[in-house]
């Protein structure tokens, strides 16, 4: 399954100002496969204090395990998504 993950934090808790937090977030992304997660892309909106990730995993439990080390770094909006091709194909089969 594909998921679009949006991480949002405030200026006061921004990782750019805390080397320990920044290293922990980067390590969490680097260790994704240990949780059964494949990170397909990571993007940032620094002025908006948001990080966007596209990940692939087989279960929600794996996703929870992946996010857990940095869950207290901010808020997360997690949405299951389909590739555009799969979405169109699923509509065409009806």
N, C-alpha and C. Protein backbone atom coordinates (compact mmCIF):
# COMPACT_ATOMS: atom_id res chain seq x y z
N UNK A 1 0.83 -1.17 0.00
CA UNK A 1 0.00 0.00 0.00
C UNK A 1 0.88 1.24 0.00
N UNK A 2 0.40 2.26 -0.70
CA UNK A 2 1.08 3.55 -0.70
C UNK A 2 0.41 4.50 0.28
N UNK A 3 1.23 5.31 0.94
CA UNK A 3 0.72 6.30 1.87
C UNK A 3 1.42 7.63 1.62
N UNK A 4 0.64 8.70 1.72
CA UNK A 4 1.20 10.05 1.69
C UNK A 4 1.17 10.54 3.14
N UNK A 5 2.33 10.85 3.67
CA UNK A 5 2.46 11.28 5.06
C UNK A 5 2.87 12.75 5.08
N UNK A 6 2.09 13.55 5.78
CA UNK A 6 2.44 14.96 5.96
C UNK A 6 2.77 15.18 7.43
N UNK A 7 3.98 15.61 7.68
CA UNK A 7 4.43 15.94 9.04
C UNK A 7 4.42 17.46 9.16
N UNK A 8 3.79 17.97 10.21
CA UNK A 8 3.72 19.41 10.45
C UNK A 8 4.20 19.71 11.86
N UNK A 9 5.03 20.73 11.99
CA UNK A 9 5.50 21.18 13.30
C UNK A 9 5.55 22.70 13.30
N UNK A 10 5.76 23.27 14.43
CA UNK A 10 5.84 24.72 14.56
C UNK A 10 7.28 25.21 14.55
N UNK A 11 7.43 26.51 14.47
CA UNK A 11 8.76 27.12 14.51
C UNK A 11 9.51 26.72 15.79
N UNK A 12 8.80 26.70 16.88
CA UNK A 12 9.43 26.42 18.18
C UNK A 12 10.00 25.02 18.26
N UNK A 13 9.44 24.08 17.51
CA UNK A 13 9.89 22.69 17.57
C UNK A 13 10.58 22.26 16.28
N UNK A 14 10.98 23.21 15.45
CA UNK A 14 11.59 22.92 14.16
C UNK A 14 12.92 22.18 14.33
N UNK A 15 13.07 21.11 13.61
CA UNK A 15 14.29 20.30 13.67
C UNK A 15 15.50 21.05 13.15
N UNK A 16 15.29 22.05 12.31
CA UNK A 16 16.41 22.82 11.77
C UNK A 16 17.18 23.51 12.88
N UNK A 17 16.56 23.70 14.03
CA UNK A 17 17.19 24.38 15.15
C UNK A 17 17.64 23.43 16.25
N UNK A 18 17.57 22.13 15.97
CA UNK A 18 17.91 21.12 16.99
C UNK A 18 18.61 19.96 16.29
N UNK A 19 19.93 19.93 16.41
CA UNK A 19 20.72 18.91 15.71
C UNK A 19 20.36 17.48 16.14
N UNK A 20 20.01 17.29 17.40
CA UNK A 20 19.65 15.95 17.88
C UNK A 20 18.37 15.47 17.22
N UNK A 21 17.37 16.33 17.17
CA UNK A 21 16.09 15.97 16.54
C UNK A 21 16.26 15.75 15.04
N UNK A 22 17.04 16.61 14.41
CA UNK A 22 17.28 16.47 12.97
C UNK A 22 17.94 15.12 12.67
N UNK A 23 18.93 14.76 13.46
CA UNK A 23 19.63 13.49 13.27
C UNK A 23 18.69 12.31 13.49
N UNK A 24 17.82 12.42 14.51
CA UNK A 24 16.88 11.32 14.80
C UNK A 24 15.88 11.15 13.67
N UNK A 25 15.39 12.26 13.11
CA UNK A 25 14.43 12.18 11.99
C UNK A 25 15.10 11.55 10.78
N UNK A 26 16.32 11.99 10.47
CA UNK A 26 17.06 11.42 9.33
C UNK A 26 17.35 9.94 9.56
N UNK A 27 17.69 9.56 10.78
CA UNK A 27 17.96 8.16 11.09
C UNK A 27 16.70 7.32 10.93
N UNK A 28 15.56 7.86 11.33
CA UNK A 28 14.29 7.15 11.19
C UNK A 28 14.01 6.87 9.72
N UNK A 29 14.24 7.85 8.86
CA UNK A 29 14.04 7.65 7.43
C UNK A 29 15.04 6.63 6.89
N UNK A 30 16.29 6.72 7.32
CA UNK A 30 17.32 5.77 6.86
C UNK A 30 17.04 4.35 7.29
N UNK A 31 16.40 4.18 8.44
CA UNK A 31 16.11 2.85 8.97
C UNK A 31 14.73 2.33 8.60
N UNK A 32 14.07 2.96 7.66
CA UNK A 32 12.69 2.62 7.30
C UNK A 32 12.52 1.14 6.97
N UNK A 33 13.46 0.58 6.23
CA UNK A 33 13.31 -0.82 5.81
C UNK A 33 13.29 -1.78 7.00
N UNK A 34 13.90 -1.39 8.12
CA UNK A 34 13.85 -2.23 9.32
C UNK A 34 12.43 -2.37 9.84
N UNK A 35 11.58 -1.40 9.52
CA UNK A 35 10.17 -1.44 9.92
C UNK A 35 9.28 -2.03 8.84
N UNK A 36 9.87 -2.43 7.71
CA UNK A 36 9.08 -2.95 6.61
C UNK A 36 8.51 -1.85 5.72
N UNK A 37 9.12 -0.67 5.76
CA UNK A 37 8.65 0.49 5.02
C UNK A 37 9.68 0.86 3.96
N UNK A 38 9.19 1.16 2.77
CA UNK A 38 10.05 1.67 1.70
C UNK A 38 9.70 3.14 1.49
N UNK A 39 10.68 4.00 1.66
CA UNK A 39 10.47 5.43 1.46
C UNK A 39 10.70 5.74 -0.01
N UNK A 40 9.66 6.18 -0.69
CA UNK A 40 9.74 6.48 -2.12
C UNK A 40 10.14 7.92 -2.38
N UNK A 41 9.89 8.80 -1.42
CA UNK A 41 10.27 10.19 -1.58
C UNK A 41 10.03 10.97 -0.32
N UNK A 42 10.89 11.95 -0.08
CA UNK A 42 10.76 12.85 1.06
C UNK A 42 10.96 14.27 0.54
N UNK A 43 10.03 15.15 0.86
CA UNK A 43 10.06 16.53 0.36
C UNK A 43 9.78 17.46 1.54
N UNK A 44 10.32 18.67 1.45
CA UNK A 44 10.15 19.62 2.56
C UNK A 44 9.62 20.95 2.08
N UNK A 45 8.85 21.58 2.95
CA UNK A 45 8.41 22.96 2.80
C UNK A 45 8.95 23.68 4.04
N UNK A 46 10.23 24.09 4.03
CA UNK A 46 10.83 24.66 5.24
C UNK A 46 10.09 25.86 5.81
N UNK A 47 9.68 26.85 5.01
CA UNK A 47 8.96 27.97 5.62
C UNK A 47 7.61 27.57 6.20
N UNK A 48 7.00 26.53 5.64
CA UNK A 48 5.71 26.05 6.14
C UNK A 48 5.84 25.04 7.25
N UNK A 49 7.08 24.66 7.58
CA UNK A 49 7.36 23.69 8.64
C UNK A 49 6.62 22.38 8.39
N UNK A 50 6.74 21.88 7.15
CA UNK A 50 6.11 20.61 6.79
C UNK A 50 7.10 19.74 6.04
N UNK A 51 6.96 18.44 6.25
CA UNK A 51 7.71 17.42 5.52
C UNK A 51 6.69 16.46 4.92
N UNK A 52 6.89 16.12 3.67
CA UNK A 52 5.98 15.23 2.96
C UNK A 52 6.74 13.96 2.57
N UNK A 53 6.13 12.82 2.83
CA UNK A 53 6.75 11.55 2.47
C UNK A 53 5.75 10.70 1.70
N UNK A 54 6.26 9.98 0.72
CA UNK A 54 5.48 8.95 0.06
C UNK A 54 6.17 7.64 0.43
N UNK A 55 5.39 6.77 1.07
CA UNK A 55 5.98 5.51 1.53
C UNK A 55 5.13 4.34 1.05
N UNK A 56 5.78 3.19 1.02
CA UNK A 56 5.10 1.95 0.64
C UNK A 56 5.31 0.95 1.76
N UNK A 57 4.23 0.31 2.16
CA UNK A 57 4.29 -0.70 3.21
C UNK A 57 3.10 -1.64 3.06
N UNK A 58 3.21 -2.81 3.63
CA UNK A 58 2.14 -3.79 3.50
C UNK A 58 1.07 -3.66 4.57
N UNK A 59 1.44 -3.12 5.73
CA UNK A 59 0.47 -3.04 6.82
C UNK A 59 0.56 -1.69 7.53
N UNK A 60 -0.52 -1.32 8.15
CA UNK A 60 -0.54 -0.10 8.96
C UNK A 60 0.39 -0.27 10.17
N UNK A 61 0.50 -1.48 10.68
CA UNK A 61 1.39 -1.72 11.82
C UNK A 61 2.83 -1.35 11.48
N UNK A 62 3.26 -1.66 10.25
CA UNK A 62 4.61 -1.30 9.84
C UNK A 62 4.77 0.22 9.76
N UNK A 63 3.74 0.89 9.30
CA UNK A 63 3.76 2.34 9.23
C UNK A 63 3.86 2.96 10.63
N UNK A 64 3.09 2.42 11.56
CA UNK A 64 3.12 2.91 12.95
C UNK A 64 4.52 2.70 13.54
N UNK A 65 5.11 1.54 13.30
CA UNK A 65 6.46 1.25 13.81
C UNK A 65 7.48 2.23 13.23
N UNK A 66 7.33 2.55 11.95
CA UNK A 66 8.23 3.48 11.28
C UNK A 66 8.15 4.88 11.89
N UNK A 67 6.95 5.38 12.10
CA UNK A 67 6.73 6.75 12.60
C UNK A 67 7.03 6.88 14.10
N UNK A 68 6.91 5.81 14.85
CA UNK A 68 6.99 5.87 16.31
C UNK A 68 8.21 6.62 16.88
N UNK A 69 9.41 6.44 16.35
CA UNK A 69 10.55 7.14 16.96
C UNK A 69 10.46 8.67 16.90
N UNK A 70 9.66 9.19 15.97
CA UNK A 70 9.57 10.65 15.82
C UNK A 70 8.13 11.14 15.95
N UNK A 71 7.27 10.34 16.54
CA UNK A 71 5.85 10.69 16.64
C UNK A 71 5.65 11.98 17.44
N UNK A 72 6.54 12.25 18.37
CA UNK A 72 6.37 13.45 19.21
C UNK A 72 7.00 14.71 18.60
N UNK A 73 7.47 14.63 17.37
CA UNK A 73 8.09 15.78 16.70
C UNK A 73 7.07 16.74 16.10
N UNK A 74 5.81 16.34 16.06
CA UNK A 74 4.78 17.18 15.46
C UNK A 74 3.54 16.38 15.18
N UNK A 75 2.72 16.89 14.28
CA UNK A 75 1.48 16.21 13.89
C UNK A 75 1.69 15.50 12.56
N UNK A 76 0.96 14.39 12.38
CA UNK A 76 1.06 13.60 11.16
C UNK A 76 -0.32 13.41 10.57
N UNK A 77 -0.41 13.64 9.28
CA UNK A 77 -1.62 13.34 8.52
C UNK A 77 -1.22 12.23 7.55
N UNK A 78 -1.83 11.07 7.70
CA UNK A 78 -1.46 9.89 6.92
C UNK A 78 -2.65 9.47 6.08
N UNK A 79 -2.42 9.41 4.77
CA UNK A 79 -3.51 9.07 3.85
C UNK A 79 -3.08 7.97 2.91
N UNK A 80 -3.89 6.91 2.79
CA UNK A 80 -3.61 5.90 1.78
C UNK A 80 -3.87 6.50 0.40
N UNK A 81 -3.01 6.20 -0.55
CA UNK A 81 -3.16 6.74 -1.90
C UNK A 81 -2.91 5.64 -2.92
N UNK A 82 -3.40 5.88 -4.13
CA UNK A 82 -3.16 5.01 -5.28
C UNK A 82 -2.38 5.78 -6.32
N UNK A 83 -1.61 5.05 -7.13
CA UNK A 83 -1.03 5.73 -8.28
C UNK A 83 -2.18 6.16 -9.18
N UNK A 84 -1.96 7.19 -9.96
CA UNK A 84 -3.01 7.67 -10.85
C UNK A 84 -3.44 6.58 -11.82
N UNK A 85 -2.48 5.81 -12.30
CA UNK A 85 -2.80 4.72 -13.24
C UNK A 85 -3.72 3.68 -12.60
N UNK A 86 -3.45 3.30 -11.36
CA UNK A 86 -4.30 2.32 -10.68
C UNK A 86 -5.69 2.90 -10.39
N UNK A 87 -5.74 4.16 -10.05
CA UNK A 87 -7.05 4.78 -9.79
C UNK A 87 -7.89 4.79 -11.05
N UNK A 88 -7.31 5.17 -12.18
CA UNK A 88 -8.04 5.18 -13.45
C UNK A 88 -8.44 3.79 -13.85
N UNK A 89 -7.54 2.83 -13.69
CA UNK A 89 -7.85 1.44 -14.05
C UNK A 89 -8.99 0.88 -13.21
N UNK A 90 -9.02 1.23 -11.93
CA UNK A 90 -10.09 0.70 -11.07
C UNK A 90 -11.44 1.31 -11.46
N UNK A 91 -11.45 2.52 -11.94
CA UNK A 91 -12.69 3.14 -12.39
C UNK A 91 -13.12 2.60 -13.75
N UNK A 92 -12.18 2.23 -14.56
CA UNK A 92 -12.49 1.71 -15.90
C UNK A 92 -13.08 0.31 -15.86
N UNK A 93 -12.85 -0.41 -14.77
CA UNK A 93 -13.34 -1.79 -14.68
C UNK A 93 -14.80 -1.87 -14.28
N UNK A 94 -15.45 -0.78 -13.99
CA UNK A 94 -16.85 -0.80 -13.57
C UNK A 94 -17.78 -0.72 -14.73
